[in-house]
Amino acid sequence: MAEKFPKDEFDDLPASRKVGAHRAVERGWRTLRIVIGALIATALVVGIVYGVMQITRSQSVFDDYSAAPQQSESSEPAESQSESAEPVEPSEEPNESAPSPSPSAPSVNPHSLQVTVFNAQGANAQSGLAARTGAKLTANGWKVGQVTNAPANFGAHRTTVVYYTDERYADAAKQLSSDLQLSSSPQLNHTLSVPLTVAIGSDYSARR
């Protein structure tokens, strides 16, 4: 038969209160739960930090990958510009926009110019020499006007000369000298009133 002991304070404990050895067990479990909770919380924090780092790394890699094609595309215009910067060979085709040389002024018809014939032999002038010379020129198609002795201020000429009053008549003066078989060259004289003037000199009679 079991031995009975008198009741003490441990036999009348309330249902919700634990003392002695029971209280030591409860404190052990509480400490264990705190440690486990701390480990779980630490693991969650570490996982969250690791996940954020992975996401950040993935975003950085994605940005680098996306930037690579853009840099490649941006380098293409530079290559195009360098190609366009090559020197352009001059075109051999004539420039159509270049102004063409202005046409020369139309030549003057020598036989349309009036001719004056002066006998400029001076005091010993041959009579009728100017008239005969004028008739010869008329027969050759020249437009002969005044035929007379040269005025006193014109002066006596030793050599027969053809005078012209404008550069435009230079060729006509040369042709007139050729028709008269003169050895002298025509001379420009702006003081005369008609385009061409023949001044018959002393040499002309010897060569008729």
Protein backbone atom coordinates (compact mmCIF):
# COMPACT_ATOMS: atom_id res chain seq x y z
CA MET A 1 0.00 0.00 0.00
CA ALA A 2 1.35 3.39 -1.02
CA GLU A 3 2.67 5.67 1.62
CA LYS A 4 0.66 8.87 2.13
CA PHE A 5 2.18 12.22 2.90
CA PRO A 6 0.53 15.25 4.34
CA LYS A 7 -0.74 17.92 1.86
CA ASP A 8 1.46 20.91 1.15
CA GLU A 9 1.27 24.01 -1.04
CA PHE A 10 2.14 22.10 -4.20
CA ASP A 11 -1.00 19.92 -3.88
CA ASP A 12 -3.40 22.92 -4.09
CA LEU A 13 -1.97 24.82 -7.14
CA PRO A 14 -4.46 26.47 -9.46
CA ALA A 15 -4.89 25.01 -12.89
CA SER A 16 -3.23 28.02 -14.63
CA ARG A 17 -0.24 28.42 -12.37
CA LYS A 18 2.89 26.34 -12.44
CA VAL A 19 5.70 26.53 -9.96
CA GLY A 20 8.92 24.76 -9.27
CA ALA A 21 9.99 22.27 -11.89
CA HIS A 22 6.94 23.03 -14.08
CA ARG A 23 7.90 26.74 -14.24
CA ALA A 24 11.47 25.84 -15.33
CA VAL A 25 10.16 23.74 -18.23
CA GLU A 26 7.85 26.56 -19.37
CA ARG A 27 10.69 29.10 -19.35
CA GLY A 28 12.83 26.75 -21.44
CA TRP A 29 10.17 26.43 -24.12
CA ARG A 30 9.63 30.19 -24.18
CA THR A 31 13.33 30.84 -24.70
CA LEU A 32 13.42 28.20 -27.43
CA ARG A 33 10.46 29.81 -29.22
CA ILE A 34 12.15 33.21 -29.05
CA VAL A 35 15.36 31.83 -30.52
CA ILE A 36 13.46 30.00 -33.27
CA GLY A 37 11.44 33.15 -34.05
CA ALA A 38 14.62 35.21 -34.19
CA LEU A 39 16.22 32.67 -36.54
CA ILE A 40 13.13 32.69 -38.76
CA ALA A 41 13.05 36.50 -38.80
CA THR A 42 16.76 36.63 -39.60
CA ALA A 43 16.28 34.11 -42.40
CA LEU A 44 13.42 36.20 -43.82
CA VAL A 45 15.48 39.38 -43.69
CA VAL A 46 18.43 37.65 -45.33
CA GLY A 47 16.13 36.23 -48.01
CA ILE A 48 14.55 39.59 -48.68
CA VAL A 49 17.95 41.31 -48.92
CA TYR A 50 19.25 38.58 -51.23
CA GLY A 51 16.14 38.83 -53.41
CA VAL A 52 16.49 42.62 -53.70
CA MET A 53 20.16 42.21 -54.64
CA GLN A 54 19.28 39.66 -57.31
CA ILE A 55 16.56 41.91 -58.73
CA THR A 56 18.95 44.88 -58.78
CA ARG A 57 21.64 42.82 -60.48
CA SER A 58 19.19 41.51 -63.06
CA GLN A 59 17.99 45.06 -63.81
CA SER A 60 21.58 46.24 -64.25
CA VAL A 61 22.34 43.40 -66.65
CA PHE A 62 19.14 44.16 -68.58
CA ASP A 63 20.06 47.85 -68.84
CA ASP A 64 23.53 47.00 -70.12
CA TYR A 65 22.05 44.63 -72.67
CA SER A 66 19.52 47.22 -73.83
CA ALA A 67 22.16 49.95 -74.10
CA ALA A 68 24.43 47.82 -76.30
CA PRO A 69 22.16 47.85 -79.43
CA GLN A 70 21.58 51.60 -79.03
CA GLN A 71 25.32 52.26 -79.00
CA SER A 72 25.71 50.06 -82.05
CA GLU A 73 22.95 51.95 -83.89
CA SER A 74 24.38 55.32 -82.86
CA SER A 75 27.76 54.35 -84.31
CA GLU A 76 26.26 53.69 -87.76
CA PRO A 77 25.57 57.37 -88.57
CA ALA A 78 29.15 58.19 -87.59
CA GLU A 79 30.36 55.64 -90.11
CA SER A 80 28.02 57.10 -92.71
CA GLN A 81 29.34 60.57 -91.99
CA SER A 82 32.92 59.39 -92.31
CA GLU A 83 32.06 57.80 -95.65
CA SER A 84 30.35 60.98 -96.81
CA ALA A 85 33.42 62.98 -95.77
CA GLU A 86 35.51 61.34 -98.49
CA PRO A 87 36.73 63.85 -101.10
CA VAL A 88 34.47 64.12 -104.11
CA GLU A 89 36.21 63.83 -107.43
CA PRO A 90 35.57 66.80 -109.69
CA SER A 91 33.08 66.08 -112.41
CA GLU A 92 34.42 66.04 -115.92
CA GLU A 93 31.11 67.22 -117.32
CA PRO A 94 31.02 70.92 -118.23
CA ASN A 95 29.10 73.21 -115.94
CA GLU A 96 25.95 74.09 -117.79
CA SER A 97 25.26 77.02 -115.47
CA ALA A 98 28.56 78.72 -116.32
CA PRO A 99 27.91 81.84 -118.35
CA SER A 100 28.87 81.45 -121.98
CA PRO A 101 31.13 84.08 -123.46
CA SER A 102 29.17 86.97 -124.85
CA PRO A 103 29.04 87.01 -128.61
CA SER A 104 31.23 89.57 -130.29
CA ALA A 105 29.63 92.70 -131.63
CA PRO A 106 28.41 92.31 -135.20
CA SER A 107 30.94 93.48 -137.75
CA VAL A 108 30.28 96.67 -139.64
CA ASN A 109 29.69 96.42 -143.35
CA PRO A 110 32.59 98.47 -144.77
CA HIS A 111 30.61 99.52 -147.84
CA SER A 112 27.90 101.01 -145.61
CA LEU A 113 30.33 103.64 -144.22
CA GLN A 114 30.71 107.03 -145.78
CA VAL A 115 34.16 107.83 -147.21
CA THR A 116 35.65 111.31 -147.67
CA VAL A 117 38.51 111.73 -150.15
CA PHE A 118 40.97 114.61 -149.54
CA ASN A 119 43.79 115.64 -151.84
CA ALA A 120 46.38 116.41 -149.16
CA GLN A 121 49.41 116.89 -151.43
CA GLY A 122 49.64 120.53 -150.50
CA ALA A 123 50.53 123.39 -152.85
CA ASN A 124 51.72 121.10 -155.63
CA ALA A 125 48.60 118.91 -155.59
CA GLN A 126 47.65 117.22 -158.83
CA SER A 127 44.41 118.56 -160.19
CA GLY A 128 41.50 116.09 -160.27
CA LEU A 129 43.39 113.45 -158.27
CA ALA A 130 40.78 113.32 -155.51
CA ALA A 131 37.94 112.98 -158.04
CA ARG A 132 39.65 110.14 -159.89
CA THR A 133 40.38 108.33 -156.60
CA GLY A 134 36.76 108.77 -155.47
CA ALA A 135 35.46 107.35 -158.73
CA LYS A 136 37.74 104.33 -158.34
CA LEU A 137 36.40 103.68 -154.83
CA THR A 138 32.81 104.06 -155.98
CA ALA A 139 33.43 101.46 -158.68
CA ASN A 140 34.69 99.10 -155.98
CA GLY A 141 31.45 99.47 -153.99
CA TRP A 142 32.48 102.13 -151.49
CA LYS A 143 30.05 104.87 -150.38
CA VAL A 144 32.01 107.97 -151.35
CA GLY A 145 30.83 111.35 -150.08
CA GLN A 146 32.88 114.54 -150.20
CA VAL A 147 35.72 114.67 -152.73
CA THR A 148 37.90 117.80 -152.50
CA ASN A 149 41.22 119.31 -151.57
CA ALA A 150 42.14 118.99 -147.90
CA PRO A 151 41.54 122.07 -145.75
CA ALA A 152 44.55 124.18 -144.82
CA ASN A 153 44.57 123.01 -141.21
CA PHE A 154 44.70 119.39 -142.36
CA GLY A 155 48.28 119.78 -143.50
CA ALA A 156 50.20 118.41 -146.47
CA HIS A 157 50.84 114.65 -146.46
CA ARG A 158 53.86 112.94 -147.98
CA THR A 159 52.24 109.52 -147.42
CA THR A 160 48.67 108.55 -148.28
CA VAL A 161 46.78 107.51 -145.13
CA VAL A 162 43.28 106.23 -144.33
CA TYR A 163 41.77 107.66 -141.12
CA TYR A 164 38.90 106.15 -139.11
CA THR A 165 36.93 107.75 -136.26
CA ASP A 166 35.95 104.69 -134.18
CA GLU A 167 37.49 101.35 -133.24
CA ARG A 168 34.51 99.64 -134.83
CA TYR A 169 35.69 100.88 -138.22
CA ALA A 170 39.27 99.59 -137.96
CA ASP A 171 38.65 96.57 -140.18
CA ALA A 172 36.86 98.69 -142.77
CA ALA A 173 39.83 101.09 -142.80
CA LYS A 174 42.21 98.19 -143.43
CA GLN A 175 40.10 96.98 -146.33
CA LEU A 176 39.97 100.52 -147.80
CA SER A 177 43.77 100.78 -147.57
CA SER A 178 44.09 97.41 -149.31
CA ASP A 179 41.83 98.51 -152.16
CA LEU A 180 44.01 101.62 -152.64
CA GLN A 181 47.19 99.48 -152.43
CA LEU A 182 48.60 101.62 -149.60
CA SER A 183 51.68 100.59 -147.62
CA SER A 184 50.75 102.70 -144.60
CA SER A 185 48.57 101.50 -141.76
CA PRO A 186 45.19 103.14 -140.99
CA GLN A 187 45.18 105.68 -138.16
CA LEU A 188 42.53 106.52 -135.55
CA ASN A 189 41.39 110.15 -135.64
CA HIS A 190 38.41 111.24 -133.50
CA THR A 191 38.34 114.81 -134.85
CA LEU A 192 37.00 113.90 -138.27
CA SER A 193 33.26 113.98 -138.96
CA VAL A 194 32.84 110.92 -141.21
CA PRO A 195 33.78 107.30 -140.44
CA LEU A 196 36.51 106.96 -143.11
CA THR A 197 38.75 109.58 -144.71
CA VAL A 198 41.38 109.10 -147.40
CA ALA A 199 44.19 111.70 -147.26
CA ILE A 200 46.05 111.48 -150.58
CA GLY A 201 49.74 112.23 -150.11
CA SER A 202 52.58 113.05 -152.51
CA ASP A 203 53.51 109.35 -152.87
CA TYR A 204 50.16 108.40 -154.37
CA SER A 205 50.61 109.88 -157.83
CA ALA A 206 53.80 107.86 -158.39
CA ARG A 207 51.97 104.63 -157.68
CA ARG A 208 48.83 105.15 -159.77
